[in-house]
Protein backbone atom coordinates (compact mmCIF):
# COMPACT_ATOMS: atom_id res chain seq x y z
CA SER A 1 185.92 -14.15 -124.52
CA HIS A 2 184.28 -14.40 -127.93
CA LEU A 3 186.12 -13.23 -131.02
CA CYS A 4 182.86 -11.59 -132.06
CA PRO A 5 181.02 -10.47 -128.95
CA ARG A 6 177.25 -10.52 -129.07
CA PRO A 7 175.49 -7.18 -128.89
CA ALA A 8 174.11 -6.23 -125.47
CA SER A 9 170.54 -6.73 -126.73
CA PHE A 10 171.26 -10.31 -127.83
CA SER A 11 168.96 -13.02 -126.50
CA LEU A 12 168.68 -16.64 -127.46
CA PRO A 13 165.80 -17.50 -129.79
CA SER A 14 163.10 -19.80 -128.46
CA PRO A 15 163.34 -23.58 -128.87
CA SER A 16 160.33 -23.44 -131.21
CA GLN A 17 162.26 -21.09 -133.51
CA GLN A 18 165.16 -23.57 -133.64
CA VAL A 19 162.70 -26.36 -134.45
CA ALA A 20 161.27 -24.22 -137.27
CA VAL A 21 164.74 -23.71 -138.76
CA LEU A 22 165.61 -27.41 -138.54
CA GLU A 23 162.24 -28.36 -140.06
CA ALA A 24 162.92 -25.91 -142.91
CA ILE A 25 166.30 -27.57 -143.51
CA ALA A 26 164.67 -31.01 -143.48
CA GLY A 27 161.99 -29.81 -145.90
CA ALA A 28 164.58 -28.33 -148.25
CA ALA A 29 166.60 -31.57 -148.17
CA SER A 30 163.49 -33.59 -148.96
CA THR A 31 162.58 -31.33 -151.90
CA ILE A 32 166.13 -31.34 -153.28
CA THR A 33 166.35 -35.14 -153.27
CA THR A 34 162.80 -35.92 -154.46
CA HIS A 35 162.40 -33.14 -157.01
CA THR A 36 165.37 -30.86 -157.70
CA LEU A 37 167.97 -33.55 -158.40
CA ARG A 38 165.50 -35.39 -160.64
CA THR A 39 164.40 -32.39 -162.70
CA ALA A 40 167.07 -29.68 -162.66
CA SER A 41 169.74 -29.53 -165.32
CA THR A 42 173.18 -30.86 -164.49
CA SER A 43 174.62 -28.80 -167.32
CA VAL A 44 176.81 -25.81 -166.61
CA THR A 45 174.77 -22.62 -166.93
CA GLY A 46 177.71 -20.47 -167.97
CA GLY A 47 177.46 -18.61 -164.68
CA VAL A 48 179.91 -18.61 -161.81
CA ASN A 49 178.91 -18.40 -158.14
CA ASP A 50 180.42 -15.93 -155.68
CA CYS A 51 183.06 -18.52 -154.72
CA GLY A 52 184.24 -18.84 -158.33
CA ASP A 53 182.74 -22.26 -159.08
CA ALA A 54 180.93 -22.97 -162.35
CA GLN A 55 177.18 -23.17 -161.66
CA LEU A 56 174.93 -25.98 -162.76
CA GLY A 57 171.21 -25.55 -163.19
CA ALA A 58 170.88 -27.88 -160.19
CA ASP A 59 172.99 -25.51 -158.03
CA ILE A 60 170.69 -22.60 -158.78
CA ALA A 61 167.53 -24.67 -158.26
CA ALA A 62 168.77 -26.14 -154.94
CA ASP A 63 169.72 -22.66 -153.73
CA ALA A 64 166.21 -21.41 -154.49
CA VAL A 65 164.69 -24.35 -152.58
CA CYS A 66 166.83 -23.69 -149.49
CA ALA A 67 166.28 -19.93 -149.53
CA ALA A 68 162.50 -20.35 -149.86
CA ALA A 69 162.28 -22.95 -147.06
CA LEU A 70 164.37 -20.87 -144.66
CA ARG A 71 162.40 -17.71 -145.47
CA ALA A 72 159.09 -19.54 -144.96
CA SER A 73 160.16 -20.76 -141.51
CA GLY A 74 159.74 -17.25 -140.06
CA ALA A 75 162.71 -17.97 -137.78
CA VAL A 76 165.56 -16.94 -140.08
CA GLU A 77 166.78 -13.35 -140.18
CA VAL A 78 169.50 -13.63 -142.83
CA THR A 79 170.92 -16.27 -145.14
CA SER A 80 174.11 -16.63 -147.13
CA SER A 81 174.91 -19.42 -149.55
CA GLU A 82 177.75 -20.57 -151.74
CA GLU A 83 175.70 -19.42 -154.71
CA ALA A 84 175.12 -15.91 -153.31
CA THR A 85 177.44 -15.08 -150.41
CA ALA A 86 176.06 -11.63 -149.55
CA GLU A 87 173.76 -11.80 -146.54
CA ALA A 88 170.15 -11.78 -147.73
CA ASP A 89 167.30 -10.69 -145.48
CA ALA A 90 164.99 -13.65 -144.86
CA GLY A 91 162.32 -11.70 -143.01
CA GLY A 92 162.18 -13.79 -139.85
CA VAL A 93 163.45 -13.47 -136.31
CA GLY A 94 165.82 -15.77 -134.46
CA TYR A 95 168.66 -17.18 -136.52
CA SER A 96 171.09 -16.65 -139.37
CA VAL A 97 171.91 -19.55 -141.70
CA ALA A 98 174.87 -20.10 -144.02
CA TYR A 99 174.65 -23.01 -146.42
CA ASP A 100 175.98 -24.76 -149.48
CA PRO A 101 172.82 -26.03 -151.19
CA LEU A 102 174.51 -28.65 -153.36
CA ASP A 103 178.04 -29.48 -152.26
CA GLY A 104 179.83 -31.64 -154.80
CA SER A 105 177.52 -30.67 -157.65
CA SER A 106 180.32 -31.09 -160.19
CA ILE A 107 179.98 -34.89 -159.76
CA VAL A 108 176.18 -35.08 -159.70
CA SER A 109 175.92 -36.10 -163.35
CA ALA A 110 178.08 -39.17 -162.60
CA GLY A 111 175.42 -40.35 -160.16
CA TRP A 112 177.68 -40.04 -157.11
CA ALA A 113 176.43 -38.84 -153.76
CA VAL A 114 176.31 -35.08 -153.19
CA GLY A 115 175.03 -33.11 -150.25
CA ALA A 116 174.00 -29.86 -148.63
CA ILE A 117 175.66 -28.21 -145.63
CA PHE A 118 174.06 -25.79 -143.14
CA GLY A 119 175.40 -23.68 -140.26
CA VAL A 120 172.87 -22.03 -137.94
CA TRP A 121 173.79 -19.11 -135.64
CA PRO A 122 171.51 -17.33 -133.16
CA GLY A 123 170.68 -13.71 -133.92
CA ARG A 124 171.31 -11.60 -136.98
CA GLY A 125 174.48 -11.75 -139.06
CA LEU A 126 177.07 -14.26 -140.20
CA VAL A 127 180.29 -12.39 -140.93
CA GLY A 128 182.98 -13.16 -138.37
CA ARG A 129 180.84 -15.64 -136.42
CA PRO A 130 182.96 -18.57 -135.20
CA GLY A 131 181.68 -22.11 -135.55
CA ARG A 132 181.73 -22.61 -131.79
CA ASP A 133 178.83 -20.14 -131.53
CA GLN A 134 176.55 -22.19 -133.78
CA ALA A 135 173.15 -23.11 -132.46
CA ALA A 136 173.07 -26.08 -134.84
CA ALA A 137 174.77 -27.53 -137.89
CA ALA A 138 173.42 -30.01 -140.39
CA TYR A 139 174.30 -31.84 -143.54
CA ALA A 140 172.17 -33.78 -145.96
CA LEU A 141 173.55 -36.59 -148.09
CA PHE A 142 171.76 -37.25 -151.38
CA GLY A 143 172.72 -40.69 -152.67
CA SER A 144 171.24 -44.17 -152.70
CA ARG A 145 169.67 -43.10 -149.38
CA THR A 146 168.93 -39.57 -148.25
CA LEU A 147 170.34 -38.81 -144.83
CA LEU A 148 170.10 -35.69 -142.68
CA VAL A 149 172.53 -35.34 -139.79
CA ILE A 150 171.87 -32.59 -137.24
CA ALA A 151 174.28 -31.52 -134.50
CA ARG A 152 173.31 -29.07 -131.79
CA PRO A 153 174.35 -28.15 -128.27
CA VAL A 154 172.10 -29.58 -125.62
CA THR A 155 172.55 -26.71 -123.16
CA GLY A 156 173.77 -23.86 -125.39
CA ALA A 157 176.98 -23.10 -127.23
CA GLY A 158 179.96 -24.73 -125.60
CA GLY A 159 177.87 -27.29 -123.76
CA PRO A 160 177.48 -30.98 -124.51
CA HIS A 161 176.25 -31.73 -128.01
CA THR A 162 173.86 -34.18 -129.57
CA VAL A 163 174.13 -35.57 -133.09
CA ASP A 164 171.18 -37.31 -134.70
CA GLU A 165 171.00 -39.05 -138.07
CA HIS A 166 167.70 -39.22 -139.92
CA GLU A 167 166.82 -41.17 -143.05
CA LEU A 168 164.20 -39.99 -145.52
CA GLY A 169 161.45 -42.55 -145.97
CA VAL A 170 160.33 -43.91 -149.31
CA ASP A 171 157.40 -41.47 -149.24
CA GLY A 172 159.91 -38.63 -149.67
CA ALA A 173 158.42 -36.70 -146.75
CA THR A 174 158.92 -38.67 -143.52
CA TRP A 175 162.24 -38.64 -141.68
CA ARG A 176 163.13 -41.59 -139.42
CA ARG A 177 165.75 -41.11 -136.68
């Protein structure tokens, strides 16, 4: 009894597609912490995102990093972010991803930890999809250490879940569980 029933043609994406999405998220997190937060402006751009928050240059840059990584995975059908809430076609097949590319960006100039948040649903579309139907969820924490925490059902939505924490190595590319 789902609030938003899946279409009759719905089928679960392959495990390799889920791995591709999670690797894209990990790659985006790595790029945001090693490059974007070091080079993008923390000044307000004068723009406002779809949620009504003032945008920093870093918000826009982090959104572009996430969108590009998810699109390049080939396993993402649509995306939606805090910076641009309308569903955007990502050209892939398998999942839909909603994300906040730089949560807490208003405090980034103070040097405090900020993060990114991701929700991953199987199939195409995000509107009206309850959290219990997620195939995975993740958050990255950008601070004195960069952490990536991934939660996903072991046997499908509603089943037992696993949560793993990964730390980005000093090379800026290797994640250690």
